[in-house]
Structures are given as C-alpha cells and as structure tokens.
C-alpha cells in the first residue's frame, strides 16, 4: 500500500475529517481513504453517464432533410394553410 507522508491539509479541513472519523468510528486515515473513494466513485459515475449521453447523441436518428417536420405534417392533416 502506498503512503503519502507529506500531505498538507488545512487545519479546518482536518478538524472536519477528524469529526467525521470519530462519528463513524474510523481512524483519520480510514476516513480520508473512504472520502477519496466516494469522490472517485462519483467521478467515475459522472464520466460513465457523460460517455453514455455522448453515445446516445451520436446514435440518435435524424430524418433526412427532405422529410417535413412534425408541425408541417400536422398542419397538413388538419387542413391549416401554411
């Protein structure tokens, strides 16, 4: 396991982490690792969602330019003049 020995954490942030660790019966180290894992999980989920949305956008069907839009079709069916 890799150790980070010269990590500098602002006092206020350290106090918050210390309080969280105490409330969850963890060591400071366990709490920091847990927080890092949570952040990485969220980031990976966001990247996956972003990739999926890009794939959906690329794969979506677009009608050829010769096909009229739905509003034009409805106006024609209902007999409205354009």
PDB file of N, CA and C in Angstrom:
ATOM      1  N   UNK A   1       0.847  -1.166   0.000  1.00  0.00           N
ATOM      2  CA  UNK A   1       0.000   0.000   0.000  1.00  0.00           C
ATOM      3  C   UNK A   1       0.896   1.234   0.000  1.00  0.00           C
ATOM      4  N   UNK A   2       0.546   2.218  -0.796  1.00  0.00           N
ATOM      5  CA  UNK A   2       1.323   3.446  -0.898  1.00  0.00           C
ATOM      6  C   UNK A   2       1.004   4.381   0.257  1.00  0.00           C
ATOM      7  N   UNK A   3       2.031   5.044   0.758  1.00  0.00           N
ATOM      8  CA  UNK A   3       1.851   6.013   1.834  1.00  0.00           C
ATOM      9  C   UNK A   3       2.117   7.415   1.314  1.00  0.00           C
ATOM     10  N   UNK A   4       1.299   8.357   1.772  1.00  0.00           N
ATOM     11  CA  UNK A   4       1.517   9.765   1.449  1.00  0.00           C
ATOM     12  C   UNK A   4       1.966  10.425   2.750  1.00  0.00           C
ATOM     13  N   UNK A   5       3.230  10.786   2.810  1.00  0.00           N
ATOM     14  CA  UNK A   5       3.788  11.258   4.075  1.00  0.00           C
ATOM     15  C   UNK A   5       3.822  12.770   4.206  1.00  0.00           C
ATOM     16  N   UNK A   6       3.820  13.506   3.130  1.00  0.00           N
ATOM     17  CA  UNK A   6       3.957  14.953   3.217  1.00  0.00           C
ATOM     18  C   UNK A   6       2.686  15.677   2.793  1.00  0.00           C
ATOM     19  N   UNK A   7       1.551  15.057   3.024  1.00  0.00           N
ATOM     20  CA  UNK A   7       0.272  15.663   2.669  1.00  0.00           C
ATOM     21  C   UNK A   7      -0.028  16.801   3.634  1.00  0.00           C
ATOM     22  N   UNK A   8      -0.283  17.984   3.097  1.00  0.00           N
ATOM     23  CA  UNK A   8      -0.613  19.141   3.925  1.00  0.00           C
ATOM     24  C   UNK A   8      -2.108  19.416   3.807  1.00  0.00           C
ATOM     25  N   UNK A   9      -2.784  19.400   4.950  1.00  0.00           N
ATOM     26  CA  UNK A   9      -4.230  19.603   4.992  1.00  0.00           C
ATOM     27  C   UNK A   9      -4.506  20.818   5.871  1.00  0.00           C
ATOM     28  N   UNK A  10      -5.316  21.766   5.386  1.00  0.00           N
ATOM     29  CA  UNK A  10      -5.657  22.922   6.225  1.00  0.00           C
ATOM     30  C   UNK A  10      -6.299  22.459   7.541  1.00  0.00           C
ATOM     31  N   UNK A  11      -6.024  23.208   8.602  1.00  0.00           N
ATOM     32  CA  UNK A  11      -6.493  22.827   9.947  1.00  0.00           C
ATOM     33  C   UNK A  11      -8.005  22.638  10.006  1.00  0.00           C
ATOM     34  N   UNK A  12      -8.754  23.540   9.384  1.00  0.00           N
ATOM     35  CA  UNK A  12     -10.221  23.437   9.431  1.00  0.00           C
ATOM     36  C   UNK A  12     -10.706  22.159   8.745  1.00  0.00           C
ATOM     37  N   UNK A  13     -10.115  21.840   7.605  1.00  0.00           N
ATOM     38  CA  UNK A  13     -10.483  20.616   6.891  1.00  0.00           C
ATOM     39  C   UNK A  13     -10.117  19.390   7.713  1.00  0.00           C
ATOM     40  N   UNK A  14      -8.947  19.420   8.326  1.00  0.00           N
ATOM     41  CA  UNK A  14      -8.519  18.295   9.170  1.00  0.00           C
ATOM     42  C   UNK A  14      -9.497  18.089  10.327  1.00  0.00           C
ATOM     43  N   UNK A  15      -9.936  19.183  10.931  1.00  0.00           N
ATOM     44  CA  UNK A  15     -10.898  19.084  12.042  1.00  0.00           C
ATOM     45  C   UNK A  15     -12.206  18.460  11.586  1.00  0.00           C
ATOM     46  N   UNK A  16     -12.661  18.835  10.391  1.00  0.00           N
ATOM     47  CA  UNK A  16     -13.901  18.256   9.851  1.00  0.00           C
ATOM     48  C   UNK A  16     -13.731  16.758   9.611  1.00  0.00           C
ATOM     49  N   UNK A  17     -12.612  16.380   9.021  1.00  0.00           N
ATOM     50  CA  UNK A  17     -12.340  14.963   8.758  1.00  0.00           C
ATOM     51  C   UNK A  17     -12.235  14.202  10.081  1.00  0.00           C
ATOM     52  N   UNK A  18     -11.573  14.812  11.047  1.00  0.00           N
ATOM     53  CA  UNK A  18     -11.425  14.192  12.355  1.00  0.00           C
ATOM     54  C   UNK A  18     -12.788  13.960  13.001  1.00  0.00           C
ATOM     55  N   UNK A  19     -13.686  14.949  12.897  1.00  0.00           N
ATOM     56  CA  UNK A  19     -15.033  14.799  13.453  1.00  0.00           C
ATOM     57  C   UNK A  19     -15.817  13.706  12.753  1.00  0.00           C
ATOM     58  N   UNK A  20     -15.705  13.641  11.432  1.00  0.00           N
ATOM     59  CA  UNK A  20     -16.384  12.586  10.676  1.00  0.00           C
ATOM     60  C   UNK A  20     -15.844  11.217  11.050  1.00  0.00           C
ATOM     61  N   UNK A  21     -14.534  11.132  11.169  1.00  0.00           N
ATOM     62  CA  UNK A  21     -13.902   9.857  11.527  1.00  0.00           C
ATOM     63  C   UNK A  21     -14.383   9.394  12.896  1.00  0.00           C
ATOM     64  N   UNK A  22     -14.423  10.309  13.837  1.00  0.00           N
ATOM     65  CA  UNK A  22     -14.867   9.963  15.186  1.00  0.00           C
ATOM     66  C   UNK A  22     -16.320   9.486  15.169  1.00  0.00           C
ATOM     67  N   UNK A  23     -17.180  10.203  14.444  1.00  0.00           N
ATOM     68  CA  UNK A  23     -18.606   9.839  14.423  1.00  0.00           C
ATOM     69  C   UNK A  23     -18.863   8.502  13.732  1.00  0.00           C
ATOM     70  N   UNK A  24     -17.921   8.064  12.884  1.00  0.00           N
ATOM     71  CA  UNK A  24     -18.092   6.798  12.171  1.00  0.00           C
ATOM     72  C   UNK A  24     -17.138   5.720  12.687  1.00  0.00           C
ATOM     73  N   UNK A  25     -16.557   5.982  13.832  1.00  0.00           N
ATOM     74  CA  UNK A  25     -15.630   5.030  14.481  1.00  0.00           C
ATOM     75  C   UNK A  25     -14.512   4.589  13.538  1.00  0.00           C
ATOM     76  N   UNK A  26     -13.914   5.551  12.876  1.00  0.00           N
ATOM     77  CA  UNK A  26     -12.799   5.267  11.971  1.00  0.00           C
ATOM     78  C   UNK A  26     -11.577   6.058  12.401  1.00  0.00           C
ATOM     79  N   UNK A  27     -10.431   5.611  11.923  1.00  0.00           N
ATOM     80  CA  UNK A  27      -9.219   6.404  12.106  1.00  0.00           C
ATOM     81  C   UNK A  27      -9.243   7.533  11.077  1.00  0.00           C
ATOM     82  N   UNK A  28      -8.392   8.516  11.280  1.00  0.00           N
ATOM     83  CA  UNK A  28      -8.288   9.615  10.313  1.00  0.00           C
ATOM     84  C   UNK A  28      -7.923   9.047   8.944  1.00  0.00           C
ATOM     85  N   UNK A  29      -6.967   8.141   8.924  1.00  0.00           N
ATOM     86  CA  UNK A  29      -6.537   7.526   7.669  1.00  0.00           C
ATOM     87  C   UNK A  29      -7.703   6.812   6.979  1.00  0.00           C
ATOM     88  N   UNK A  30      -8.464   6.016   7.723  1.00  0.00           N
ATOM     89  CA  UNK A  30      -9.607   5.302   7.139  1.00  0.00           C
ATOM     90  C   UNK A  30     -10.638   6.279   6.591  1.00  0.00           C
ATOM     91  N   UNK A  31     -10.837   7.376   7.312  1.00  0.00           N
ATOM     92  CA  UNK A  31     -11.818   8.366   6.860  1.00  0.00           C
ATOM     93  C   UNK A  31     -11.368   9.038   5.572  1.00  0.00           C
ATOM     94  N   UNK A  32     -10.102   9.401   5.503  1.00  0.00           N
ATOM     95  CA  UNK A  32      -9.583  10.042   4.290  1.00  0.00           C
ATOM     96  C   UNK A  32      -9.682   9.092   3.105  1.00  0.00           C
ATOM     97  N   UNK A  33      -9.313   7.836   3.302  1.00  0.00           N
ATOM     98  CA  UNK A  33      -9.412   6.846   2.220  1.00  0.00           C
ATOM     99  C   UNK A  33     -10.875   6.679   1.799  1.00  0.00           C
ATOM    100  N   UNK A  34     -11.788   6.630   2.767  1.00  0.00           N
ATOM    101  CA  UNK A  34     -13.209   6.492   2.461  1.00  0.00           C
ATOM    102  C   UNK A  34     -13.726   7.693   1.657  1.00  0.00           C
ATOM    103  N   UNK A  35     -13.341   8.892   2.073  1.00  0.00           N
ATOM    104  CA  UNK A  35     -13.763  10.094   1.355  1.00  0.00           C
ATOM    105  C   UNK A  35     -13.198  10.122  -0.068  1.00  0.00           C
ATOM    106  N   UNK A  36     -11.942   9.770  -0.209  1.00  0.00           N
ATOM    107  CA  UNK A  36     -11.343   9.720  -1.548  1.00  0.00           C
ATOM    108  C   UNK A  36     -12.067   8.707  -2.435  1.00  0.00           C
ATOM    109  N   UNK A  37     -12.410   7.544  -1.874  1.00  0.00           N
ATOM    110  CA  UNK A  37     -13.111   6.517  -2.638  1.00  0.00           C
ATOM    111  C   UNK A  37     -14.481   7.008  -3.077  1.00  0.00           C
ATOM    112  N   UNK A  38     -15.181   7.699  -2.182  1.00  0.00           N
ATOM    113  CA  UNK A  38     -16.504   8.235  -2.524  1.00  0.00           C
ATOM    114  C   UNK A  38     -16.409   9.237  -3.669  1.00  0.00           C
ATOM    115  N   UNK A  39     -15.429  10.115  -3.599  1.00  0.00           N
ATOM    116  CA  UNK A  39     -15.248  11.117  -4.652  1.00  0.00           C
ATOM    117  C   UNK A  39     -14.913  10.444  -5.979  1.00  0.00           C
ATOM    118  N   UNK A  40     -14.037   9.451  -5.939  1.00  0.00           N
ATOM    119  CA  UNK A  40     -13.673   8.737  -7.166  1.00  0.00           C
ATOM    120  C   UNK A  40     -14.866   7.982  -7.747  1.00  0.00           C
ATOM    121  N   UNK A  41     -15.687   7.382  -6.890  1.00  0.00           N
ATOM    122  CA  UNK A  41     -16.880   6.670  -7.357  1.00  0.00           C
ATOM    123  C   UNK A  41     -17.830   7.624  -8.073  1.00  0.00           C
ATOM    124  N   UNK A  42     -18.044   8.799  -7.481  1.00  0.00           N
ATOM    125  CA  UNK A  42     -18.936   9.791  -8.096  1.00  0.00           C
ATOM    126  C   UNK A  42     -18.359  10.258  -9.432  1.00  0.00           C
ATOM    127  N   UNK A  43     -17.064  10.527  -9.458  1.00  0.00           N
ATOM    128  CA  UNK A  43     -16.417  10.986 -10.689  1.00  0.00           C
ATOM    129  C   UNK A  43     -16.522   9.929 -11.795  1.00  0.00           C
ATOM    130  N   UNK A  44     -16.293   8.674 -11.449  1.00  0.00           N
ATOM    131  CA  UNK A  44     -16.401   7.601 -12.440  1.00  0.00           C
ATOM    132  C   UNK A  44     -17.837   7.482 -12.957  1.00  0.00           C
ATOM    133  N   UNK A  45     -18.800   7.618 -12.068  1.00  0.00           N
ATOM    134  CA  UNK A  45     -20.207   7.552 -12.471  1.00  0.00           C
ATOM    135  C   UNK A  45     -20.540   8.701 -13.424  1.00  0.00           C
ATOM    136  N   UNK A  46     -20.043   9.903 -13.120  1.00  0.00           N
ATOM    137  CA  UNK A  46     -20.297  11.046 -13.995  1.00  0.00           C
ATOM    138  C   UNK A  46     -19.652  10.854 -15.359  1.00  0.00           C
ATOM    139  N   UNK A  47     -18.443  10.302 -15.383  1.00  0.00           N
ATOM    140  CA  UNK A  47     -17.776  10.047 -16.660  1.00  0.00           C
ATOM    141  C   UNK A  47     -18.539   9.006 -17.472  1.00  0.00           C
ATOM    142  N   UNK A  48     -19.030   7.966 -16.803  1.00  0.00           N
ATOM    143  CA  UNK A  48     -19.810   6.936 -17.486  1.00  0.00           C
ATOM    144  C   UNK A  48     -21.090   7.527 -18.058  1.00  0.00           C
ATOM    145  N   UNK A  49     -21.779   8.338 -17.267  1.00  0.00           N
ATOM    146  CA  UNK A  49     -23.009   8.971 -17.742  1.00  0.00           C
ATOM    147  C   UNK A  49     -22.727   9.893 -18.923  1.00  0.00           C
ATOM    148  N   UNK A  50     -21.644  10.627 -18.845  1.00  0.00           N
ATOM    149  CA  UNK A  50     -21.270  11.523 -19.935  1.00  0.00           C
ATOM    150  C   UNK A  50     -20.995  10.743 -21.214  1.00  0.00           C
ATOM    151  N   UNK A  51     -20.262   9.630 -21.089  1.00  0.00           N
ATOM    152  CA  UNK A  51     -19.988   8.789 -22.267  1.00  0.00           C
ATOM    153  C   UNK A  51     -21.279   8.229 -22.854  1.00  0.00           C
ATOM    154  N   UNK A  52     -22.177   7.763 -21.982  1.00  0.00           N
ATOM    155  CA  UNK A  52     -23.446   7.215 -22.461  1.00  0.00           C
ATOM    156  C   UNK A  52     -24.272   8.272 -23.180  1.00  0.00           C
ATOM    157  N   UNK A  53     -24.320   9.471 -22.626  1.00  0.00           N
ATOM    158  CA  UNK A  53     -25.062  10.550 -23.276  1.00  0.00           C
ATOM    159  C   UNK A  53     -24.461  10.907 -24.632  1.00  0.00           C
ATOM    160  N   UNK A  54     -23.140  10.897 -24.713  1.00  0.00           N
ATOM    161  CA  UNK A  54     -22.490  11.164 -25.998  1.00  0.00           C
ATOM    162  C   UNK A  54     -22.824  10.070 -27.009  1.00  0.00           C
ATOM    163  N   UNK A  55     -22.831   8.813 -26.571  1.00  0.00           N
ATOM    164  CA  UNK A  55     -23.183   7.709 -27.464  1.00  0.00           C
ATOM    165  C   UNK A  55     -24.636   7.810 -27.920  1.00  0.00           C
ATOM    166  N   UNK A  56     -25.523   8.163 -27.005  1.00  0.00           N
ATOM    167  CA  UNK A  56     -26.937   8.329 -27.362  1.00  0.00           C
ATOM    168  C   UNK A  56     -27.073   9.455 -28.374  1.00  0.00           C
ATOM    169  N   UNK A  57     -26.374  10.544 -28.139  1.00  0.00           N
ATOM    170  CA  UNK A  57     -26.450  11.681 -29.063  1.00  0.00           C
ATOM    171  C   UNK A  57     -25.942  11.297 -30.455  1.00  0.00           C
ATOM    172  N   UNK A  58     -24.830  10.558 -30.495  1.00  0.00           N
ATOM    173  CA  UNK A  58     -24.283  10.134 -31.796  1.00  0.00           C
ATOM    174  C   UNK A  58     -25.198   9.142 -32.501  1.00  0.00           C
ATOM    175  N   UNK A  59     -25.875   8.298 -31.727  1.00  0.00           N
ATOM    176  CA  UNK A  59     -26.671   7.225 -32.313  1.00  0.00           C
ATOM    177  C   UNK A  59     -28.106   7.644 -32.645  1.00  0.00           C
ATOM    178  N   UNK A  60     -28.524   8.815 -32.180  1.00  0.00           N
ATOM    179  CA  UNK A  60     -29.920   9.183 -32.413  1.00  0.00           C
ATOM    180  C   UNK A  60     -30.180   9.393 -33.897  1.00  0.00           C
ATOM    181  N   UNK A  61     -31.370   9.052 -34.266  1.00  0.00           N
ATOM    182  CA  UNK A  61     -31.757   9.130 -35.660  1.00  0.00           C
ATOM    183  C   UNK A  61     -32.168  10.546 -36.006  1.00  0.00           C
ATOM    184  N   UNK A  62     -31.681  11.017 -37.118  1.00  0.00           N
ATOM    185  CA  UNK A  62     -32.130  12.316 -37.626  1.00  0.00           C
ATOM    186  C   UNK A  62     -32.706  12.085 -39.016  1.00  0.00           C
ATOM    187  N   UNK A  63     -33.884  12.632 -39.241  1.00  0.00           N
ATOM    188  CA  UNK A  63     -34.522  12.409 -40.533  1.00  0.00           C
ATOM    189  C   UNK A  63     -33.764  13.123 -41.651  1.00  0.00           C
ATOM    190  N   UNK A  64     -33.881  12.597 -42.861  1.00  0.00           N
ATOM    191  CA  UNK A  64     -33.242  13.281 -43.987  1.00  0.00           C
ATOM    192  C   UNK A  64     -33.875  14.656 -44.198  1.00  0.00           C
ATOM    193  N   UNK A  65     -33.164  15.561 -44.821  1.00  0.00           N
ATOM    194  CA  UNK A  65     -33.675  16.933 -44.989  1.00  0.00           C
ATOM    195  C   UNK A  65     -34.961  17.017 -45.809  1.00  0.00           C
ATOM    196  N   UNK A  66     -35.256  15.989 -46.575  1.00  0.00           N
ATOM    197  CA  UNK A  66     -36.463  16.031 -47.416  1.00  0.00           C
ATOM    198  C   UNK A  66     -37.736  15.696 -46.639  1.00  0.00           C
ATOM    199  N   UNK A  67     -37.606  15.173 -45.433  1.00  0.00           N
ATOM    200  CA  UNK A  67     -38.770  14.813 -44.622  1.00  0.00           C
ATOM    201  C   UNK A  67     -39.276  16.067 -43.916  1.00  0.00           C
ATOM    202  N   UNK A  68     -40.578  16.374 -44.056  1.00  0.00           N
ATOM    203  CA  UNK A  68     -41.106  17.570 -43.386  1.00  0.00           C
ATOM    204  C   UNK A  68     -41.141  17.379 -41.869  1.00  0.00           C
ATOM    205  N   UNK A  69     -41.100  18.490 -41.154  1.00  0.00           N
ATOM    206  CA  UNK A  69     -41.138  18.404 -39.693  1.00  0.00           C
ATOM    207  C   UNK A  69     -42.560  18.078 -39.233  1.00  0.00           C
ATOM    208  N   UNK A  70     -42.698  17.654 -37.986  1.00  0.00           N
ATOM    209  CA  UNK A  70     -43.985  17.189 -37.461  1.00  0.00           C
ATOM    210  C   UNK A  70     -45.045  18.288 -37.456  1.00  0.00           C
ATOM    211  N   UNK A  71     -44.667  19.526 -37.228  1.00  0.00           N
ATOM    212  CA  UNK A  71     -45.644  20.624 -37.228  1.00  0.00           C
ATOM    213  C   UNK A  71     -46.248  20.784 -38.615  1.00  0.00           C
ATOM    214  N   UNK A  72     -45.416  20.716 -39.635  1.00  0.00           N
ATOM    215  CA  UNK A  72     -45.912  20.826 -41.013  1.00  0.00           C
ATOM    216  C   UNK A  72     -46.861  19.684 -41.342  1.00  0.00           C
ATOM    217  N   UNK A  73     -46.518  18.485 -40.916  1.00  0.00           N
ATOM    218  CA  UNK A  73     -47.369  17.318 -41.169  1.00  0.00           C
ATOM    219  C   UNK A  73     -48.718  17.488 -40.485  1.00  0.00           C
ATOM    220  N   UNK A  74     -48.722  17.900 -39.231  1.00  0.00           N
ATOM    221  CA  UNK A  74     -49.981  18.103 -38.503  1.00  0.00           C
ATOM    222  C   UNK A  74     -50.833  19.197 -39.136  1.00  0.00           C
ATOM    223  N   UNK A  75     -50.216  20.279 -39.561  1.00  0.00           N
ATOM    224  CA  UNK A  75     -50.975  21.351 -40.233  1.00  0.00           C
ATOM    225  C   UNK A  75     -51.602  20.841 -41.529  1.00  0.00           C
ATOM    226  N   UNK A  76     -50.869  20.029 -42.243  1.00  0.00           N
ATOM    227  CA  UNK A  76     -51.404  19.460 -43.485  1.00  0.00           C
ATOM    228  C   UNK A  76     -52.576  18.542 -43.192  1.00  0.00           C
ATOM    229  N   UNK A  77     -52.445  17.685 -42.190  1.00  0.00           N
ATOM    230  CA  UNK A  77     -53.509  16.757 -41.826  1.00  0.00           C
ATOM    231  C   UNK A  77     -54.749  17.514 -41.372  1.00  0.00           C
ATOM    232  N   UNK A  78     -54.546  18.579 -40.603  1.00  0.00           N
ATOM    233  CA  UNK A  78     -55.681  19.338 -40.067  1.00  0.00           C
ATOM    234  C   UNK A  78     -56.227  20.377 -41.049  1.00  0.00           C
ATOM    235  N   UNK A  79     -55.552  20.534 -42.169  1.00  0.00           N
ATOM    236  CA  UNK A  79     -56.047  21.413 -43.188  1.00  0.00           C
ATOM    237  C   UNK A  79     -55.716  22.889 -42.984  1.00  0.00           C
ATOM    238  N   UNK A  80     -54.735  23.196 -42.160  1.00  0.00           N
ATOM    239  CA  UNK A  80     -54.342  24.585 -41.970  1.00  0.00           C
ATOM    240  C   UNK A  80     -53.478  25.022 -43.131  1.00  0.00           C
ATOM    241  N   UNK A  81     -53.614  26.275 -43.494  1.00  0.00           N
ATOM    242  CA  UNK A  81     -52.763  26.831 -44.548  1.00  0.00           C
ATOM    243  C   UNK A  81     -51.447  27.277 -43.927  1.00  0.00           C
ATOM    244  N   UNK A  82     -50.409  27.068 -44.650  1.00  0.00           N
ATOM    245  CA  UNK A  82     -49.097  27.500 -44.144  1.00  0.00           C
ATOM    246  C   UNK A  82     -48.736  28.839 -44.678  1.00  0.00           C
TER     247      UNK A  82
END
